[in-house]
C-alpha cells in the first residue's frame, strides 16, 4: 500500500493542476448563400412597397375629394 502512495499523490497533483476546459465558442457566421427564390422574394418585396405607395395615394385622394365635397 505504501508503494502506491507516491503514485496516488502524483496522480492527484496532476489532476489538481490541470486547466478547466475552455468553453466552446460559437462558430463564426458564414456568408449568406443566395438561393433560387431570392429573386422572387425581392420581386415580392418590391410589389408590396409599390402597393403601399398606391394605397397611400388612394387615401390622400379620398381625403382630398372628401374635403372638396364639404
N, C-alpha and C. Protein backbone atom coordinates (compact mmCIF):
# COMPACT_ATOMS: atom_id res chain seq x y z
N UNK A 1 0.82 -1.19 0.00
CA UNK A 1 0.00 0.00 0.00
C UNK A 1 0.86 1.25 0.00
N UNK A 2 1.94 1.27 0.77
CA UNK A 2 2.78 2.46 0.82
C UNK A 2 3.53 2.66 -0.49
N UNK A 3 3.70 1.62 -1.27
CA UNK A 3 4.35 1.77 -2.57
C UNK A 3 3.48 2.56 -3.54
N UNK A 4 2.19 2.45 -3.39
CA UNK A 4 1.27 3.14 -4.29
C UNK A 4 0.95 4.56 -3.84
N UNK A 5 1.35 4.90 -2.63
CA UNK A 5 1.04 6.22 -2.10
C UNK A 5 1.69 7.35 -2.92
N UNK A 6 2.98 7.26 -3.30
CA UNK A 6 3.56 8.34 -4.15
C UNK A 6 2.88 8.43 -5.53
N UNK A 7 2.52 7.28 -6.07
CA UNK A 7 1.85 7.28 -7.37
C UNK A 7 0.47 7.93 -7.25
N UNK A 8 -0.25 7.65 -6.18
CA UNK A 8 -1.55 8.26 -5.94
C UNK A 8 -1.41 9.76 -5.72
N UNK A 9 -0.37 10.17 -4.99
CA UNK A 9 -0.14 11.59 -4.75
C UNK A 9 0.20 12.30 -6.06
N UNK A 10 1.00 11.67 -6.90
CA UNK A 10 1.36 12.25 -8.20
C UNK A 10 0.12 12.41 -9.08
N UNK A 11 -0.72 11.38 -9.12
CA UNK A 11 -1.93 11.45 -9.93
C UNK A 11 -2.86 12.54 -9.41
N UNK A 12 -2.98 12.68 -8.10
CA UNK A 12 -3.83 13.71 -7.51
C UNK A 12 -3.28 15.09 -7.82
N UNK A 13 -1.96 15.26 -7.75
CA UNK A 13 -1.35 16.55 -8.04
C UNK A 13 -1.55 16.92 -9.51
N UNK A 14 -1.43 15.96 -10.40
CA UNK A 14 -1.63 16.24 -11.83
C UNK A 14 -3.08 16.61 -12.11
N UNK A 15 -3.99 15.94 -11.44
CA UNK A 15 -5.41 16.24 -11.66
C UNK A 15 -5.75 17.63 -11.12
N UNK A 16 -5.12 18.03 -10.02
CA UNK A 16 -5.40 19.34 -9.43
C UNK A 16 -4.79 20.46 -10.27
N UNK A 17 -3.72 20.19 -10.98
CA UNK A 17 -3.04 21.23 -11.77
C UNK A 17 -3.64 21.41 -13.16
N UNK A 18 -4.47 20.49 -13.58
CA UNK A 18 -4.99 20.59 -14.94
C UNK A 18 -5.91 21.80 -15.08
N UNK A 19 -5.90 22.40 -16.26
CA UNK A 19 -6.72 23.57 -16.53
C UNK A 19 -8.17 23.15 -16.75
N UNK A 20 -9.11 24.00 -16.37
CA UNK A 20 -10.51 23.66 -16.66
C UNK A 20 -10.74 23.73 -18.16
N UNK A 21 -11.68 22.98 -18.67
CA UNK A 21 -11.92 23.01 -20.12
C UNK A 21 -12.40 24.38 -20.56
N UNK A 22 -11.92 24.82 -21.69
CA UNK A 22 -12.31 26.12 -22.24
C UNK A 22 -13.70 26.01 -22.84
N UNK A 23 -14.52 27.03 -22.64
CA UNK A 23 -15.87 26.98 -23.23
C UNK A 23 -15.77 27.02 -24.76
N UNK A 24 -16.67 26.32 -25.39
CA UNK A 24 -16.67 26.29 -26.85
C UNK A 24 -17.25 27.59 -27.37
N UNK A 25 -16.54 28.22 -28.28
CA UNK A 25 -17.03 29.44 -28.90
C UNK A 25 -17.95 29.07 -30.05
N UNK A 26 -19.01 29.84 -30.24
CA UNK A 26 -19.90 29.52 -31.36
C UNK A 26 -19.15 29.72 -32.68
N UNK A 27 -19.52 28.96 -33.68
CA UNK A 27 -18.83 29.11 -34.97
C UNK A 27 -19.10 30.49 -35.57
N UNK A 28 -18.14 30.97 -36.30
CA UNK A 28 -18.28 32.28 -36.93
C UNK A 28 -19.39 32.20 -37.98
N UNK A 29 -20.20 33.26 -38.10
CA UNK A 29 -21.26 33.24 -39.11
C UNK A 29 -20.67 33.19 -40.52
N UNK A 30 -21.32 32.43 -41.35
CA UNK A 30 -20.85 32.30 -42.71
C UNK A 30 -21.58 33.28 -43.61
N UNK A 31 -21.00 33.55 -44.74
CA UNK A 31 -21.64 34.45 -45.70
C UNK A 31 -22.94 33.82 -46.19
N UNK A 32 -23.94 34.65 -46.42
CA UNK A 32 -25.23 34.13 -46.86
C UNK A 32 -25.11 33.65 -48.30
N UNK A 33 -25.65 32.47 -48.53
CA UNK A 33 -25.63 31.89 -49.87
C UNK A 33 -26.95 32.22 -50.55
N UNK A 34 -26.87 32.69 -51.76
CA UNK A 34 -28.08 33.05 -52.49
C UNK A 34 -28.83 31.79 -52.89
N UNK A 35 -30.14 31.83 -52.69
CA UNK A 35 -30.98 30.69 -53.04
C UNK A 35 -31.76 31.00 -54.31
N UNK A 36 -32.32 29.99 -54.95
CA UNK A 36 -33.03 30.23 -56.21
C UNK A 36 -34.24 31.15 -56.07
N UNK A 37 -34.86 31.20 -54.91
CA UNK A 37 -36.07 32.02 -54.76
C UNK A 37 -35.78 33.40 -54.20
N UNK A 38 -34.53 33.78 -54.03
CA UNK A 38 -34.20 35.12 -53.54
C UNK A 38 -34.71 36.20 -54.49
N UNK A 39 -34.59 35.97 -55.78
CA UNK A 39 -35.06 36.98 -56.74
C UNK A 39 -36.58 37.12 -56.66
N UNK A 40 -37.26 36.00 -56.41
CA UNK A 40 -38.71 36.06 -56.27
C UNK A 40 -39.11 36.83 -55.01
N UNK A 41 -38.37 36.63 -53.94
CA UNK A 41 -38.63 37.37 -52.70
C UNK A 41 -38.40 38.87 -52.90
N UNK A 42 -37.36 39.21 -53.66
CA UNK A 42 -37.08 40.62 -53.93
C UNK A 42 -38.22 41.25 -54.75
N UNK A 43 -38.71 40.50 -55.73
CA UNK A 43 -39.82 41.00 -56.53
C UNK A 43 -41.09 41.15 -55.68
N UNK A 44 -41.31 40.22 -54.78
CA UNK A 44 -42.48 40.29 -53.89
C UNK A 44 -42.39 41.52 -52.99
N UNK A 45 -41.20 41.78 -52.44
CA UNK A 45 -40.99 42.94 -51.57
C UNK A 45 -41.23 44.23 -52.35
N UNK A 46 -40.72 44.28 -53.57
CA UNK A 46 -40.91 45.47 -54.40
C UNK A 46 -42.39 45.69 -54.70
N UNK A 47 -43.11 44.62 -54.99
CA UNK A 47 -44.55 44.74 -55.27
C UNK A 47 -45.30 45.21 -54.03
N UNK A 48 -44.91 44.72 -52.85
CA UNK A 48 -45.56 45.17 -51.62
C UNK A 48 -45.30 46.66 -51.38
N UNK A 49 -44.09 47.11 -51.67
CA UNK A 49 -43.77 48.53 -51.50
C UNK A 49 -44.59 49.39 -52.46
N UNK A 50 -44.71 48.93 -53.69
CA UNK A 50 -45.49 49.67 -54.68
C UNK A 50 -46.96 49.72 -54.26
N UNK A 51 -47.47 48.58 -53.76
CA UNK A 51 -48.87 48.55 -53.31
C UNK A 51 -49.10 49.50 -52.15
N UNK A 52 -48.13 49.61 -51.26
CA UNK A 52 -48.25 50.53 -50.13
C UNK A 52 -48.31 51.98 -50.62
N UNK A 53 -47.48 52.32 -51.60
CA UNK A 53 -47.48 53.68 -52.15
C UNK A 53 -48.82 53.96 -52.81
N UNK A 54 -49.34 53.00 -53.56
CA UNK A 54 -50.63 53.19 -54.24
C UNK A 54 -51.74 53.36 -53.22
N UNK A 55 -51.72 52.56 -52.16
CA UNK A 55 -52.75 52.68 -51.11
C UNK A 55 -52.67 54.05 -50.42
N UNK A 56 -51.46 54.51 -50.14
CA UNK A 56 -51.31 55.83 -49.52
C UNK A 56 -51.83 56.94 -50.43
N UNK A 57 -51.54 56.83 -51.73
CA UNK A 57 -52.03 57.84 -52.68
C UNK A 57 -53.56 57.80 -52.78
N UNK A 58 -54.13 56.60 -52.71
CA UNK A 58 -55.59 56.48 -52.77
C UNK A 58 -56.23 57.11 -51.54
N UNK A 59 -55.63 56.92 -50.38
CA UNK A 59 -56.15 57.54 -49.16
C UNK A 59 -56.07 59.06 -49.25
N UNK A 60 -54.94 59.56 -49.76
CA UNK A 60 -54.78 61.01 -49.90
C UNK A 60 -55.80 61.58 -50.88
N UNK A 61 -56.05 60.88 -51.98
CA UNK A 61 -57.02 61.34 -52.96
C UNK A 61 -58.43 61.31 -52.38
N UNK A 62 -58.74 60.26 -51.61
CA UNK A 62 -60.07 60.17 -50.98
C UNK A 62 -60.28 61.32 -50.00
N UNK A 63 -59.23 61.68 -49.25
CA UNK A 63 -59.32 62.81 -48.32
C UNK A 63 -59.53 64.11 -49.08
N UNK A 64 -58.84 64.26 -50.21
CA UNK A 64 -58.98 65.49 -50.98
C UNK A 64 -60.40 65.60 -51.56
N UNK A 65 -60.94 64.50 -52.02
CA UNK A 65 -62.31 64.51 -52.57
C UNK A 65 -63.31 64.84 -51.47
N UNK A 66 -63.09 64.24 -50.30
CA UNK A 66 -63.97 64.48 -49.15
C UNK A 66 -63.91 65.96 -48.72
N UNK A 67 -62.70 66.52 -48.76
CA UNK A 67 -62.55 67.93 -48.36
C UNK A 67 -63.25 68.85 -49.35
N UNK A 68 -63.24 68.52 -50.64
CA UNK A 68 -63.91 69.33 -51.63
C UNK A 68 -65.42 69.20 -51.55
N UNK A 69 -65.88 68.03 -51.13
CA UNK A 69 -67.32 67.79 -51.05
C UNK A 69 -67.93 68.57 -49.90
N UNK A 70 -67.19 68.80 -48.86
CA UNK A 70 -67.73 69.52 -47.69
C UNK A 70 -67.62 70.97 -47.86
